[in-house]
Amino acid sequence: MSKNILLFPGGFKPFHDGHLSILRSHIFNTDNVHIDEARIYISYKDRDSITADSSLWFLNSIKDKLSDLYSTEIKVNISEYPAPIRKCYNDVGNSLNNDKFCLVTSDKGTDIKRKEEFCNLYSINGKYYNKDIGVKTIYINANIEPIHYINRDDEYNNECVSSTVIRNDIKHKDYEEFKTSYINMLSNNIISEQLLKEYYNKLINLS
């Protein structure tokens, strides 16, 4: 039985509300394409002492909740490549069944172009098209709603949630500001306060 599969590559150092919003918008897409599976691929490269293993721990802690909530199987792995989009290309190239793949990106200009290129390369007349296998990719339109900070006491209030800001909060050991990047996950019971504090402490210990 064929599946529609999302491929979401990224650094995710760390994973936050903004990332989840992008993923969710592709699962509940405007084209009404049913998504059977979503694969999140984490770059193995560290970023400001935040490791791939710490991101994997957090995502593994929430993936079952997300799978139940979104009715989509969520899988998480650390990519063996520093640029995990290469893992996405491998998934498509190595697939021998009728599964269809969509690259998950933000709606920024360069990301949209990357998404279009990924789709076109495996389409008819694309560089990687194989007539014996057929078209392997699909382009799914997603209405991504940016997640903005609220209730911060600094210049980032009302700005988009950002891994850079979170890493700065970790650097300054400010849990209350760190927490502002996870308001949606907390309010939707995807994570508990206890889990978030445990994650925060893990990241503090790495810094």
Protein backbone atom coordinates (compact mmCIF):
# COMPACT_ATOMS: atom_id res chain seq x y z
CA MET A 1 0.00 0.00 0.00
CA SER A 2 1.47 3.36 -1.02
CA LYS A 3 2.02 6.21 1.42
CA ASN A 4 2.27 9.97 1.27
CA ILE A 5 5.42 10.82 3.24
CA LEU A 6 6.75 14.15 4.49
CA LEU A 7 10.51 14.65 4.76
CA PHE A 8 11.54 17.40 7.19
CA PRO A 9 15.31 18.05 7.31
CA GLY A 10 16.92 20.59 9.57
CA GLY A 11 19.38 21.45 12.28
CA PHE A 12 16.72 21.63 15.03
CA LYS A 13 19.19 22.97 17.58
CA PRO A 14 16.81 23.07 19.29
CA PHE A 15 13.37 22.06 17.94
CA HIS A 16 10.67 24.60 18.89
CA ASP A 17 7.13 25.85 18.27
CA GLY A 18 8.07 27.36 14.91
CA HIS A 19 9.35 24.04 13.59
CA LEU A 20 6.23 22.27 14.77
CA SER A 21 4.02 24.87 13.07
CA ILE A 22 5.75 24.19 9.74
CA LEU A 23 5.34 20.43 10.13
CA ARG A 24 1.72 20.69 11.22
CA SER A 25 0.84 22.95 8.28
CA HIS A 26 2.10 20.28 5.87
CA ILE A 27 0.20 17.50 7.64
CA PHE A 28 -3.03 19.55 7.59
CA ASN A 29 -2.30 20.99 4.17
CA THR A 30 -4.49 23.20 2.02
CA ASP A 31 -4.50 20.58 -0.77
CA ASN A 32 -6.24 18.09 1.57
CA VAL A 33 -3.62 15.42 0.83
CA HIS A 34 -3.67 12.74 3.52
CA ILE A 35 -0.23 12.31 5.11
CA ASP A 36 0.60 8.82 6.33
CA GLU A 37 4.08 9.43 7.68
CA ALA A 38 6.45 12.28 8.54
CA ARG A 39 10.20 11.76 8.85
CA ILE A 40 12.22 14.35 10.75
CA TYR A 41 15.94 14.29 9.96
CA ILE A 42 18.30 16.08 12.34
CA SER A 43 21.71 17.30 11.21
CA TYR A 44 24.47 15.58 13.20
CA LYS A 45 26.42 18.83 13.51
CA ASP A 46 26.46 20.56 16.91
CA ARG A 47 25.37 24.19 17.19
CA ASP A 48 26.59 26.29 20.11
CA SER A 49 27.13 23.09 22.15
CA ILE A 50 23.61 21.80 21.41
CA THR A 51 23.99 18.26 20.13
CA ALA A 52 21.96 16.17 17.71
CA ASP A 53 21.44 13.66 20.52
CA SER A 54 19.73 16.29 22.68
CA SER A 55 17.38 17.19 19.81
CA LEU A 56 16.70 13.50 19.20
CA TRP A 57 15.87 13.02 22.88
CA PHE A 58 13.33 15.84 22.85
CA LEU A 59 11.68 14.78 19.61
CA ASN A 60 11.50 11.15 20.72
CA SER A 61 9.79 12.40 23.88
CA ILE A 62 6.96 14.01 21.88
CA LYS A 63 6.69 11.97 18.67
CA ASP A 64 4.09 9.49 20.00
CA LYS A 65 1.94 12.36 21.22
CA LEU A 66 2.24 14.04 17.84
CA SER A 67 1.45 10.80 16.00
CA ASP A 68 -1.76 10.39 17.98
CA LEU A 69 -2.71 14.06 17.75
CA TYR A 70 -2.07 14.36 14.01
CA SER A 71 -3.04 10.79 12.99
CA THR A 72 0.29 10.56 11.20
CA GLU A 73 3.23 8.32 12.06
CA ILE A 74 6.13 10.52 13.17
CA LYS A 75 9.66 9.15 12.81
CA VAL A 76 12.82 10.90 13.99
CA ASN A 77 16.43 10.15 13.09
CA ILE A 78 19.83 11.81 13.10
CA SER A 79 21.02 12.12 9.52
CA GLU A 80 24.37 10.62 8.66
CA TYR A 81 24.98 13.71 6.53
CA PRO A 82 25.80 17.22 7.80
CA ALA A 83 23.13 18.52 5.41
CA PRO A 84 20.15 16.26 6.14
CA ILE A 85 18.38 17.19 2.91
CA ARG A 86 20.73 14.68 1.29
CA LYS A 87 19.04 11.99 3.38
CA CYS A 88 15.72 13.12 1.90
CA TYR A 89 17.04 12.68 -1.63
CA ASN A 90 18.28 9.22 -0.69
CA ASP A 91 14.84 8.25 0.62
CA VAL A 92 13.24 9.12 -2.68
CA GLY A 93 15.97 7.55 -4.79
CA ASN A 94 15.93 4.29 -2.81
CA SER A 95 12.15 3.92 -2.74
CA LEU A 96 10.96 1.12 -5.02
CA ASN A 97 7.25 1.21 -4.23
CA ASN A 98 4.53 3.73 -5.01
CA ASP A 99 5.17 6.03 -2.05
CA LYS A 100 5.09 9.77 -2.75
CA PHE A 101 7.38 12.23 -0.97
CA CYS A 102 7.07 15.92 -0.15
CA LEU A 103 9.86 18.07 1.26
CA VAL A 104 8.82 20.15 4.25
CA THR A 105 10.13 23.71 4.28
CA SER A 106 9.17 27.12 5.56
CA ASP A 107 7.43 29.52 3.17
CA LYS A 108 10.50 31.73 2.77
CA GLY A 109 11.64 32.35 -0.80
CA THR A 110 14.78 30.22 -0.81
CA ASP A 111 13.05 27.38 1.01
CA ILE A 112 10.15 27.37 -1.44
CA LYS A 113 12.61 27.15 -4.33
CA ARG A 114 14.35 24.22 -2.66
CA LYS A 115 10.98 22.51 -2.23
CA GLU A 116 10.09 23.10 -5.89
CA GLU A 117 13.46 21.83 -7.07
CA PHE A 118 13.13 18.69 -4.96
CA CYS A 119 9.74 17.98 -6.49
CA ASN A 120 10.78 18.73 -10.06
CA LEU A 121 13.96 16.63 -10.04
CA TYR A 122 11.89 13.44 -9.65
CA SER A 123 9.03 14.51 -11.91
CA ILE A 124 8.71 13.64 -15.61
CA ASN A 125 11.70 15.11 -17.49
CA GLY A 126 13.44 15.72 -14.15
CA LYS A 127 17.11 14.84 -13.68
CA TYR A 128 16.34 11.88 -11.39
CA TYR A 129 13.12 10.70 -13.03
CA ASN A 130 12.97 6.93 -13.56
CA LYS A 131 10.26 5.86 -15.99
CA ASP A 132 10.21 2.37 -14.47
CA ILE A 133 9.34 3.78 -11.06
CA GLY A 134 7.34 6.85 -12.07
CA VAL A 135 6.90 10.20 -10.34
CA LYS A 136 8.01 9.92 -6.70
CA THR A 137 7.48 13.44 -5.38
CA ILE A 138 4.49 15.67 -4.77
CA TYR A 139 4.27 19.38 -4.08
CA ILE A 140 1.94 20.09 -1.17
CA ASN A 141 0.75 23.61 -0.47
CA ALA A 142 0.80 24.55 3.19
CA ASN A 143 -0.59 27.61 4.90
CA ILE A 144 2.17 28.28 7.41
CA GLU A 145 1.30 30.63 10.23
CA PRO A 146 4.45 32.17 11.72
CA ILE A 147 4.76 31.73 15.48
CA HIS A 148 5.69 34.96 17.24
CA TYR A 149 7.04 35.54 20.70
CA ILE A 150 4.67 36.89 23.31
CA ASN A 151 5.36 38.05 26.85
CA ARG A 152 9.11 38.38 26.40
CA ASP A 153 10.88 41.19 28.20
CA ASP A 154 13.42 41.93 25.48
CA GLU A 155 13.73 43.09 21.88
CA TYR A 156 12.60 39.70 20.54
CA ASN A 157 9.01 40.09 21.71
CA ASN A 158 6.66 39.86 18.68
CA GLU A 159 9.50 38.48 16.54
CA CYS A 160 9.30 34.98 15.03
CA VAL A 161 10.35 32.12 17.30
CA SER A 162 13.97 31.31 16.51
CA SER A 163 16.56 28.71 17.47
CA THR A 164 19.10 31.54 17.66
CA VAL A 165 17.03 33.29 20.33
CA ILE A 166 16.62 30.03 22.26
CA ARG A 167 20.35 29.42 22.22
CA ASN A 168 20.82 32.92 23.59
CA ASP A 169 18.33 32.14 26.39
CA ILE A 170 20.30 28.99 27.18
CA LYS A 171 23.54 30.95 27.20
CA HIS A 172 22.07 33.36 29.74
CA LYS A 173 20.42 30.53 31.71
CA ASP A 174 17.02 32.17 31.50
CA TYR A 175 14.32 29.52 31.75
CA GLU A 176 11.37 31.92 31.65
CA GLU A 177 12.51 33.38 28.32
CA PHE A 178 13.41 29.87 27.04
CA LYS A 179 9.87 28.79 27.83
CA THR A 180 8.41 31.42 25.46
CA SER A 181 9.57 29.29 22.50
CA TYR A 182 7.31 26.43 23.62
CA ILE A 183 4.06 28.16 24.55
CA ASN A 184 2.04 26.36 21.87
CA MET A 185 3.39 22.92 22.78
CA LEU A 186 2.61 23.59 26.42
CA SER A 187 -0.88 24.95 25.80
CA ASN A 188 -1.75 22.01 23.53
CA ASN A 189 -0.44 19.49 26.09
CA ILE A 190 2.17 18.18 23.67
CA ILE A 191 4.75 18.74 26.40
CA SER A 192 4.46 19.17 30.12
CA GLU A 193 6.23 21.80 32.17
CA GLN A 194 8.23 19.00 33.75
CA LEU A 195 9.43 17.70 30.36
CA LEU A 196 10.36 21.20 29.22
CA LYS A 197 12.36 21.84 32.37
CA GLU A 198 14.15 18.52 31.91
CA TYR A 199 15.00 19.47 28.33
CA TYR A 200 16.18 22.91 29.44
CA ASN A 201 18.44 21.39 32.09
CA LYS A 202 19.94 19.01 29.54
CA LEU A 203 20.75 21.94 27.25
CA ILE A 204 22.15 24.03 30.11
CA ASN A 205 24.46 21.17 31.04
CA LEU A 206 25.74 21.02 27.46
CA SER A 207 26.57 24.73 27.34
